[in-house]
Amino acid sequence: MEEIRDNLVARIAEAEREGWLGKVEGLKVSLAGAEDKLAQVGRRSQKATISLGMPQTRSGDLE
């Protein structure tokens, strides 16, 4: 997803250099969507961490 964002940033710069104002606006909308998706993915990966704690042994397991 970062690759898509980086590509959009490069395309926005090109469109600004060329004076393609309508294209710039459309690309900025796409960039905002890509950044929002990256933020969602980041939040999900943080929530996905689950602590299982330390395993416990029973006295009969070691014999």
Protein backbone atom coordinates (compact mmCIF):
# COMPACT_ATOMS: atom_id res chain seq x y z
CA MET A 1 0.00 0.00 0.00
CA GLU A 2 2.92 2.36 0.68
CA GLU A 3 4.01 1.74 -2.91
CA ILE A 4 0.63 2.97 -4.17
CA ARG A 5 0.84 6.06 -1.97
CA ASP A 6 4.35 6.86 -3.19
CA ASN A 7 3.24 6.45 -6.80
CA LEU A 8 0.32 8.81 -6.25
CA VAL A 9 2.63 11.43 -4.70
CA ALA A 10 4.89 11.21 -7.77
CA ARG A 11 1.91 11.47 -10.13
CA ILE A 12 0.61 14.53 -8.26
CA ALA A 13 4.00 16.23 -8.62
CA GLU A 14 4.03 15.45 -12.35
CA ALA A 15 0.49 16.73 -12.82
CA GLU A 16 1.34 19.95 -10.96
CA ARG A 17 4.43 20.49 -13.15
CA GLU A 18 2.37 19.94 -16.28
CA GLY A 19 -0.49 22.16 -15.09
CA TRP A 20 -3.10 19.40 -15.15
CA LEU A 21 -5.20 20.91 -12.37
CA GLY A 22 -8.17 18.56 -12.76
CA LYS A 23 -5.84 15.57 -12.64
CA VAL A 24 -4.16 16.97 -9.51
CA GLU A 25 -7.47 17.14 -7.67
CA GLY A 26 -8.45 13.60 -8.62
CA LEU A 27 -5.06 12.23 -7.58
CA LYS A 28 -5.28 14.04 -4.24
CA VAL A 29 -8.62 12.34 -3.58
CA SER A 30 -7.03 8.98 -4.39
CA LEU A 31 -4.05 9.79 -2.16
CA ALA A 32 -6.35 10.64 0.75
CA GLY A 33 -8.10 7.28 0.28
CA ALA A 34 -4.79 5.40 0.20
CA GLU A 35 -3.57 7.15 3.34
CA ASP A 36 -6.84 6.36 5.11
CA LYS A 37 -6.51 2.69 4.15
CA LEU A 38 -2.93 2.60 5.45
CA ALA A 39 -4.12 4.06 8.75
CA GLN A 40 -6.84 1.38 8.98
CA VAL A 41 -4.33 -1.38 8.32
CA GLY A 42 -2.01 0.07 10.96
CA ARG A 43 -4.78 0.16 13.55
CA ARG A 44 -5.81 -3.42 12.76
CA SER A 45 -2.29 -4.75 13.10
CA GLN A 46 -1.96 -3.10 16.51
CA LYS A 47 -5.24 -4.64 17.69
CA ALA A 48 -4.30 -8.09 16.40
CA THR A 49 -1.65 -8.62 19.08
CA ILE A 50 -2.95 -11.03 21.69
CA SER A 51 -1.09 -11.89 24.85
CA LEU A 52 -1.41 -15.58 25.68
CA GLY A 53 0.58 -15.32 28.88
CA MET A 54 3.13 -17.82 30.13
CA PRO A 55 2.35 -21.51 29.81
CA GLN A 56 1.88 -23.32 33.09
CA THR A 57 2.92 -26.86 33.83
CA ARG A 58 1.27 -29.33 36.11
CA SER A 59 3.45 -31.39 38.46
CA GLY A 60 2.54 -34.66 36.66
CA ASP A 61 3.57 -33.34 33.20
CA LEU A 62 7.30 -33.51 33.88
CA GLU A 63 7.50 -37.18 34.91
